[in-house]
Amino acid sequence: GGGRIVQITGSPRNYLGKLLLQLSRRGLVESRKGLGGGFRLAQRPDQICLLDVIAAIEDVSRWTECALAGRPCSEATPCMVHTRWIRAREAFLAFLRETNIAELAVNHPKIDQSAPELSREIRALTSRS
């Protein structure tokens, strides 16, 4: 449950609760109350990319704004760093789209040590694809 996630990540319980609520609203995690309840992924870990997670907690549409002026800029009205910012932003978004949470969890030393059963479960899930 949430307590186990707090233990593994070291995140403050209140902060984690807010994040899990947002992830739940986006359909990325499910919560179950009562004995044996807790949180679990609503989809396979290799089907959830980092962009899905970040978009659940951050307004990624703001990332279209100019890096300097804080407003949208374009090819017609570029800022001084427009061309470089576009390349950097697109590379970052591609990284977020192409990286799934299974990749991050498998063989991560902290997860392997704190939750070896979770690590084994993720490996088993992703090896079936």
N, C-alpha and C. Protein backbone atom coordinates (compact mmCIF):
# COMPACT_ATOMS: atom_id res chain seq x y z
N GLY A 1 0.81 -1.18 0.00
CA GLY A 1 0.00 0.00 0.00
C GLY A 1 0.86 1.25 0.00
N GLY A 2 0.23 2.36 0.37
CA GLY A 2 0.92 3.64 0.41
C GLY A 2 2.10 3.64 1.36
N GLY A 3 1.95 2.95 2.51
CA GLY A 3 3.05 2.89 3.48
C GLY A 3 4.28 2.22 2.90
N ARG A 4 4.06 1.20 2.12
CA ARG A 4 5.18 0.49 1.48
C ARG A 4 5.88 1.39 0.47
N ILE A 5 5.10 2.16 -0.28
CA ILE A 5 5.67 3.08 -1.26
C ILE A 5 6.48 4.16 -0.56
N VAL A 6 5.95 4.68 0.56
CA VAL A 6 6.68 5.67 1.36
C VAL A 6 8.00 5.09 1.81
N GLN A 7 7.98 3.85 2.27
CA GLN A 7 9.19 3.18 2.75
C GLN A 7 10.23 3.05 1.63
N ILE A 8 9.80 2.67 0.45
CA ILE A 8 10.73 2.46 -0.67
C ILE A 8 11.28 3.78 -1.19
N THR A 9 10.39 4.77 -1.35
CA THR A 9 10.80 6.02 -2.00
C THR A 9 11.31 7.08 -1.03
N GLY A 10 10.90 7.00 0.22
CA GLY A 10 11.26 8.04 1.17
C GLY A 10 10.45 9.31 0.98
N SER A 11 9.36 9.22 0.23
CA SER A 11 8.49 10.38 -0.02
C SER A 11 7.63 10.66 1.20
N PRO A 12 7.33 11.94 1.45
CA PRO A 12 6.39 12.27 2.53
C PRO A 12 5.01 11.66 2.24
N ARG A 13 4.39 11.10 3.26
CA ARG A 13 3.10 10.40 3.10
C ARG A 13 2.03 11.30 2.48
N ASN A 14 1.90 12.54 2.93
CA ASN A 14 0.86 13.44 2.40
C ASN A 14 1.09 13.74 0.92
N TYR A 15 2.33 13.99 0.56
CA TYR A 15 2.68 14.28 -0.83
C TYR A 15 2.37 13.06 -1.70
N LEU A 16 2.77 11.89 -1.23
CA LEU A 16 2.53 10.67 -1.99
C LEU A 16 1.03 10.44 -2.16
N GLY A 17 0.26 10.71 -1.11
CA GLY A 17 -1.19 10.54 -1.20
C GLY A 17 -1.79 11.40 -2.30
N LYS A 18 -1.33 12.64 -2.40
CA LYS A 18 -1.83 13.54 -3.44
C LYS A 18 -1.44 13.04 -4.83
N LEU A 19 -0.21 12.57 -4.97
CA LEU A 19 0.24 12.03 -6.26
C LEU A 19 -0.57 10.81 -6.66
N LEU A 20 -0.77 9.90 -5.71
CA LEU A 20 -1.52 8.68 -6.02
C LEU A 20 -2.96 9.01 -6.40
N LEU A 21 -3.56 10.01 -5.78
CA LEU A 21 -4.91 10.43 -6.13
C LEU A 21 -4.94 10.93 -7.58
N GLN A 22 -3.97 11.75 -7.95
CA GLN A 22 -3.92 12.26 -9.33
C GLN A 22 -3.68 11.12 -10.33
N LEU A 23 -2.81 10.19 -9.99
CA LEU A 23 -2.55 9.04 -10.87
C LEU A 23 -3.80 8.16 -10.98
N SER A 24 -4.53 8.04 -9.91
CA SER A 24 -5.76 7.27 -9.92
C SER A 24 -6.81 7.93 -10.82
N ARG A 25 -6.93 9.23 -10.72
CA ARG A 25 -7.90 9.96 -11.56
C ARG A 25 -7.59 9.81 -13.04
N ARG A 26 -6.32 9.64 -13.38
CA ARG A 26 -5.91 9.46 -14.78
C ARG A 26 -5.94 7.99 -15.22
N GLY A 27 -6.32 7.11 -14.32
CA GLY A 27 -6.43 5.70 -14.67
C GLY A 27 -5.10 4.96 -14.70
N LEU A 28 -4.09 5.49 -14.04
CA LEU A 28 -2.78 4.83 -14.03
C LEU A 28 -2.62 3.90 -12.84
N VAL A 29 -3.28 4.21 -11.73
CA VAL A 29 -3.27 3.33 -10.56
C VAL A 29 -4.70 3.13 -10.09
N GLU A 30 -4.89 2.04 -9.36
CA GLU A 30 -6.18 1.73 -8.75
C GLU A 30 -5.96 1.64 -7.25
N SER A 31 -6.97 2.02 -6.50
CA SER A 31 -6.86 1.89 -5.05
C SER A 31 -7.95 0.96 -4.56
N ARG A 32 -7.59 0.22 -3.53
CA ARG A 32 -8.55 -0.68 -2.89
C ARG A 32 -8.48 -0.43 -1.40
N LYS A 33 -9.64 -0.28 -0.80
CA LYS A 33 -9.71 -0.04 0.63
C LYS A 33 -9.90 -1.36 1.37
N GLY A 34 -9.61 -1.32 2.65
CA GLY A 34 -9.85 -2.48 3.50
C GLY A 34 -8.66 -3.39 3.60
N LEU A 35 -8.90 -4.52 4.26
CA LEU A 35 -7.86 -5.51 4.47
C LEU A 35 -7.30 -6.00 3.13
N GLY A 36 -6.01 -5.96 2.98
CA GLY A 36 -5.38 -6.36 1.74
C GLY A 36 -5.46 -5.30 0.66
N GLY A 37 -5.98 -4.13 1.02
CA GLY A 37 -6.11 -3.05 0.06
C GLY A 37 -4.80 -2.33 -0.16
N GLY A 38 -4.87 -1.29 -0.92
CA GLY A 38 -3.68 -0.51 -1.23
C GLY A 38 -3.77 0.00 -2.65
N PHE A 39 -2.62 0.26 -3.21
CA PHE A 39 -2.56 0.78 -4.58
C PHE A 39 -1.88 -0.24 -5.47
N ARG A 40 -2.32 -0.27 -6.71
CA ARG A 40 -1.66 -1.10 -7.72
C ARG A 40 -1.80 -0.41 -9.06
N LEU A 41 -0.94 -0.78 -9.97
CA LEU A 41 -1.01 -0.21 -11.31
C LEU A 41 -2.28 -0.66 -12.00
N ALA A 42 -2.90 0.22 -12.72
CA ALA A 42 -4.12 -0.10 -13.46
C ALA A 42 -3.79 -0.71 -14.83
N GLN A 43 -2.52 -0.59 -15.22
CA GLN A 43 -2.05 -1.14 -16.50
C GLN A 43 -0.72 -1.84 -16.25
N ARG A 44 -0.29 -2.59 -17.20
CA ARG A 44 1.03 -3.22 -17.09
C ARG A 44 2.10 -2.13 -17.01
N PRO A 45 3.16 -2.34 -16.24
CA PRO A 45 4.19 -1.31 -16.09
C PRO A 45 4.90 -0.97 -17.40
N ASP A 46 4.95 -1.93 -18.32
CA ASP A 46 5.59 -1.63 -19.60
C ASP A 46 4.65 -0.91 -20.57
N GLN A 47 3.40 -0.67 -20.13
CA GLN A 47 2.44 0.07 -20.95
C GLN A 47 2.25 1.50 -20.47
N ILE A 48 2.93 1.87 -19.39
CA ILE A 48 2.81 3.22 -18.84
C ILE A 48 4.13 3.95 -19.06
N CYS A 49 4.11 4.96 -19.90
CA CYS A 49 5.34 5.71 -20.16
C CYS A 49 5.46 6.86 -19.16
N LEU A 50 6.65 7.38 -19.04
CA LEU A 50 6.87 8.49 -18.12
C LEU A 50 6.02 9.71 -18.46
N LEU A 51 5.76 9.92 -19.72
CA LEU A 51 4.92 11.06 -20.10
C LEU A 51 3.52 10.90 -19.52
N ASP A 52 2.99 9.68 -19.50
CA ASP A 52 1.68 9.44 -18.88
C ASP A 52 1.69 9.86 -17.42
N VAL A 53 2.74 9.48 -16.72
CA VAL A 53 2.85 9.78 -15.29
C VAL A 53 2.99 11.29 -15.07
N ILE A 54 3.88 11.90 -15.81
CA ILE A 54 4.11 13.33 -15.62
C ILE A 54 2.89 14.14 -16.03
N ALA A 55 2.23 13.74 -17.11
CA ALA A 55 1.03 14.46 -17.56
C ALA A 55 -0.09 14.37 -16.52
N ALA A 56 -0.07 13.35 -15.67
CA ALA A 56 -1.08 13.21 -14.63
C ALA A 56 -0.86 14.21 -13.50
N ILE A 57 0.35 14.69 -13.34
CA ILE A 57 0.65 15.59 -12.22
C ILE A 57 1.12 16.98 -12.64
N GLU A 58 1.38 17.15 -13.92
CA GLU A 58 1.93 18.41 -14.43
C GLU A 58 1.23 18.76 -15.74
N ASP A 59 1.00 20.01 -15.98
CA ASP A 59 0.39 20.46 -17.23
C ASP A 59 1.47 20.54 -18.31
N VAL A 60 1.67 19.45 -19.04
CA VAL A 60 2.74 19.41 -20.03
C VAL A 60 2.45 20.31 -21.23
N SER A 61 1.21 20.76 -21.38
CA SER A 61 0.93 21.68 -22.48
C SER A 61 1.66 23.00 -22.27
N ARG A 62 2.01 23.31 -21.03
CA ARG A 62 2.79 24.54 -20.75
C ARG A 62 4.18 24.45 -21.37
N TRP A 63 4.64 23.26 -21.66
CA TRP A 63 5.99 23.10 -22.19
C TRP A 63 6.13 23.62 -23.61
N THR A 64 5.04 24.08 -24.19
CA THR A 64 5.12 24.69 -25.52
C THR A 64 5.51 26.15 -25.42
N GLU A 65 5.52 26.67 -24.20
CA GLU A 65 5.87 28.08 -24.02
C GLU A 65 7.35 28.30 -24.24
N CYS A 66 7.68 29.52 -24.54
CA CYS A 66 9.06 29.93 -24.75
C CYS A 66 9.85 29.74 -23.47
N ALA A 67 11.06 29.27 -23.61
CA ALA A 67 11.91 29.06 -22.45
C ALA A 67 12.32 30.36 -21.78
N LEU A 68 12.33 31.45 -22.51
CA LEU A 68 12.74 32.75 -21.95
C LEU A 68 11.57 33.64 -21.59
N ALA A 69 10.60 33.76 -22.47
CA ALA A 69 9.54 34.75 -22.28
C ALA A 69 8.36 34.22 -21.48
N GLY A 70 8.22 32.89 -21.33
CA GLY A 70 7.10 32.34 -20.60
C GLY A 70 5.78 32.45 -21.34
N ARG A 71 5.84 32.58 -22.63
CA ARG A 71 4.65 32.64 -23.48
C ARG A 71 4.97 31.85 -24.74
N PRO A 72 3.93 31.41 -25.46
CA PRO A 72 4.20 30.67 -26.69
C PRO A 72 5.00 31.51 -27.69
N CYS A 73 5.97 30.89 -28.30
CA CYS A 73 6.67 31.54 -29.40
C CYS A 73 6.58 30.58 -30.59
N SER A 74 6.91 31.06 -31.75
CA SER A 74 6.72 30.24 -32.94
C SER A 74 7.81 30.54 -33.96
N GLU A 75 7.74 29.84 -35.07
CA GLU A 75 8.67 30.11 -36.16
C GLU A 75 8.48 31.56 -36.66
N ALA A 76 7.24 32.04 -36.62
CA ALA A 76 6.95 33.40 -37.10
C ALA A 76 7.45 34.46 -36.12
N THR A 77 7.37 34.14 -34.82
CA THR A 77 7.83 35.09 -33.79
C THR A 77 8.73 34.36 -32.80
N PRO A 78 9.91 33.96 -33.26
CA PRO A 78 10.79 33.17 -32.39
C PRO A 78 11.49 34.03 -31.34
N CYS A 79 11.77 33.40 -30.21
CA CYS A 79 12.61 34.06 -29.21
C CYS A 79 14.07 33.74 -29.56
N MET A 80 14.99 34.21 -28.74
CA MET A 80 16.42 34.01 -29.04
C MET A 80 16.84 32.55 -28.97
N VAL A 81 16.16 31.75 -28.18
CA VAL A 81 16.56 30.34 -28.04
C VAL A 81 15.55 29.38 -28.66
N HIS A 82 14.62 29.91 -29.44
CA HIS A 82 13.52 29.12 -29.98
C HIS A 82 13.99 27.82 -30.65
N THR A 83 14.88 27.91 -31.58
CA THR A 83 15.31 26.73 -32.34
C THR A 83 15.94 25.68 -31.44
N ARG A 84 16.81 26.12 -30.55
CA ARG A 84 17.46 25.17 -29.64
C ARG A 84 16.47 24.61 -28.63
N TRP A 85 15.57 25.46 -28.12
CA TRP A 85 14.57 25.01 -27.15
C TRP A 85 13.66 23.96 -27.76
N ILE A 86 13.23 24.16 -29.01
CA ILE A 86 12.36 23.19 -29.68
C ILE A 86 13.05 21.84 -29.73
N ARG A 87 14.31 21.82 -30.13
CA ARG A 87 15.05 20.55 -30.20
C ARG A 87 15.17 19.90 -28.82
N ALA A 88 15.51 20.69 -27.82
CA ALA A 88 15.67 20.16 -26.46
C ALA A 88 14.33 19.63 -25.93
N ARG A 89 13.27 20.40 -26.13
CA ARG A 89 11.94 19.99 -25.66
C ARG A 89 11.50 18.71 -26.34
N GLU A 90 11.67 18.62 -27.65
CA GLU A 90 11.26 17.42 -28.39
C GLU A 90 12.07 16.20 -27.96
N ALA A 91 13.35 16.39 -27.70
CA ALA A 91 14.19 15.27 -27.22
C ALA A 91 13.71 14.81 -25.85
N PHE A 92 13.40 15.76 -24.98
CA PHE A 92 12.92 15.42 -23.65
C PHE A 92 11.57 14.71 -23.71
N LEU A 93 10.65 15.22 -24.52
CA LEU A 93 9.35 14.57 -24.67
C LEU A 93 9.48 13.17 -25.27
N ALA A 94 10.39 13.00 -26.22
CA ALA A 94 10.63 11.68 -26.80
C ALA A 94 11.15 10.72 -25.73
N PHE A 95 12.07 11.19 -24.91
CA PHE A 95 12.58 10.37 -23.80
C PHE A 95 11.43 9.94 -22.89
N LEU A 96 10.54 10.86 -22.54
CA LEU A 96 9.42 10.54 -21.66
C LEU A 96 8.44 9.57 -22.32
N ARG A 97 8.21 9.71 -23.62
CA ARG A 97 7.31 8.80 -24.35
C ARG A 97 7.92 7.42 -24.50
N GLU A 98 9.23 7.34 -24.67
CA GLU A 98 9.90 6.08 -24.98
C GLU A 98 10.36 5.31 -23.74
N THR A 99 10.24 5.90 -22.57
CA THR A 99 10.68 5.25 -21.34
C THR A 99 9.46 4.85 -20.53
N ASN A 100 9.34 3.56 -20.24
CA ASN A 100 8.20 3.12 -19.44
C ASN A 100 8.65 2.81 -18.01
N ILE A 101 7.68 2.70 -17.12
CA ILE A 101 8.06 2.55 -15.71
C ILE A 101 8.66 1.18 -15.41
N ALA A 102 8.36 0.19 -16.23
CA ALA A 102 8.99 -1.11 -16.02
C ALA A 102 10.50 -1.02 -16.21
N GLU A 103 10.92 -0.26 -17.22
CA GLU A 103 12.35 -0.08 -17.47
C GLU A 103 13.04 0.55 -16.27
N LEU A 104 12.35 1.48 -15.61
CA LEU A 104 12.95 2.15 -14.47
C LEU A 104 13.00 1.25 -13.25
N ALA A 105 11.98 0.41 -13.09
CA ALA A 105 11.88 -0.41 -11.89
C ALA A 105 12.78 -1.65 -11.94
N VAL A 106 12.91 -2.25 -13.11
CA VAL A 106 13.70 -3.47 -13.22
C VAL A 106 15.17 -3.15 -12.99
N ASN A 107 15.77 -3.89 -12.12
CA ASN A 107 17.19 -3.75 -11.78
C ASN A 107 17.55 -2.43 -11.11
N HIS A 108 16.57 -1.74 -10.55
CA HIS A 108 16.90 -0.54 -9.79
C HIS A 108 17.32 -1.00 -8.39
N PRO A 109 18.52 -0.63 -7.95
CA PRO A 109 19.03 -1.15 -6.68
C PRO A 109 18.10 -0.91 -5.50
N LYS A 110 17.47 0.24 -5.42
CA LYS A 110 16.61 0.54 -4.27
C LYS A 110 15.39 -0.37 -4.27
N ILE A 111 14.81 -0.61 -5.44
CA ILE A 111 13.64 -1.49 -5.51
C ILE A 111 14.06 -2.93 -5.28
N ASP A 112 15.18 -3.34 -5.86
CA ASP A 112 15.66 -4.70 -5.64
C ASP A 112 15.88 -4.98 -4.15
N GLN A 113 16.42 -4.02 -3.41
CA GLN A 113 16.70 -4.21 -1.99
C GLN A 113 15.44 -4.08 -1.13
N SER A 114 14.63 -3.05 -1.40
CA SER A 114 13.47 -2.77 -0.55
C SER A 114 12.26 -3.63 -0.88
N ALA A 115 12.11 -3.98 -2.12
CA ALA A 115 10.92 -4.73 -2.55
C ALA A 115 11.29 -5.74 -3.62
N PRO A 116 12.08 -6.75 -3.25
CA PRO A 116 12.50 -7.72 -4.27
C PRO A 116 11.34 -8.43 -4.94
N GLU A 117 10.22 -8.63 -4.20
CA GLU A 117 9.06 -9.28 -4.81
C GLU A 117 8.46 -8.42 -5.91
N LEU A 118 8.46 -7.11 -5.72
CA LEU A 118 7.96 -6.19 -6.74
C LEU A 118 8.86 -6.24 -7.98
N SER A 119 10.14 -6.24 -7.76
CA SER A 119 11.08 -6.31 -8.87
C SER A 119 10.88 -7.61 -9.67
N ARG A 120 10.72 -8.73 -8.96
CA ARG A 120 10.49 -10.02 -9.64
C ARG A 120 9.18 -10.00 -10.42
N GLU A 121 8.15 -9.40 -9.81
CA GLU A 121 6.84 -9.34 -10.48
C GLU A 121 6.91 -8.51 -11.75
N ILE A 122 7.61 -7.39 -11.71
CA ILE A 122 7.74 -6.54 -12.89
C ILE A 122 8.53 -7.27 -13.97
N ARG A 123 9.61 -7.94 -13.58
CA ARG A 123 10.38 -8.70 -14.58
C ARG A 123 9.51 -9.77 -15.23
N ALA A 124 8.71 -10.47 -14.43
CA ALA A 124 7.86 -11.53 -14.97
C ALA A 124 6.81 -10.94 -15.93
N LEU A 125 6.21 -9.83 -15.54
CA LEU A 125 5.20 -9.20 -16.40
C LEU A 125 5.78 -8.77 -17.73
N THR A 126 6.94 -8.14 -17.68
CA THR A 126 7.51 -7.59 -18.91
C THR A 126 8.17 -8.65 -19.78
N SER A 127 8.53 -9.78 -19.21
CA SER A 127 9.14 -10.84 -20.02
C SER A 127 8.09 -11.59 -20.83
N ARG A 128 6.81 -11.46 -20.47
CA ARG A 128 5.74 -12.13 -21.20
C ARG A 128 5.32 -11.37 -22.46
N SER A 129 5.77 -10.14 -22.63
CA SER A 129 5.29 -9.35 -23.76
C SER A 129 5.90 -9.76 -25.07
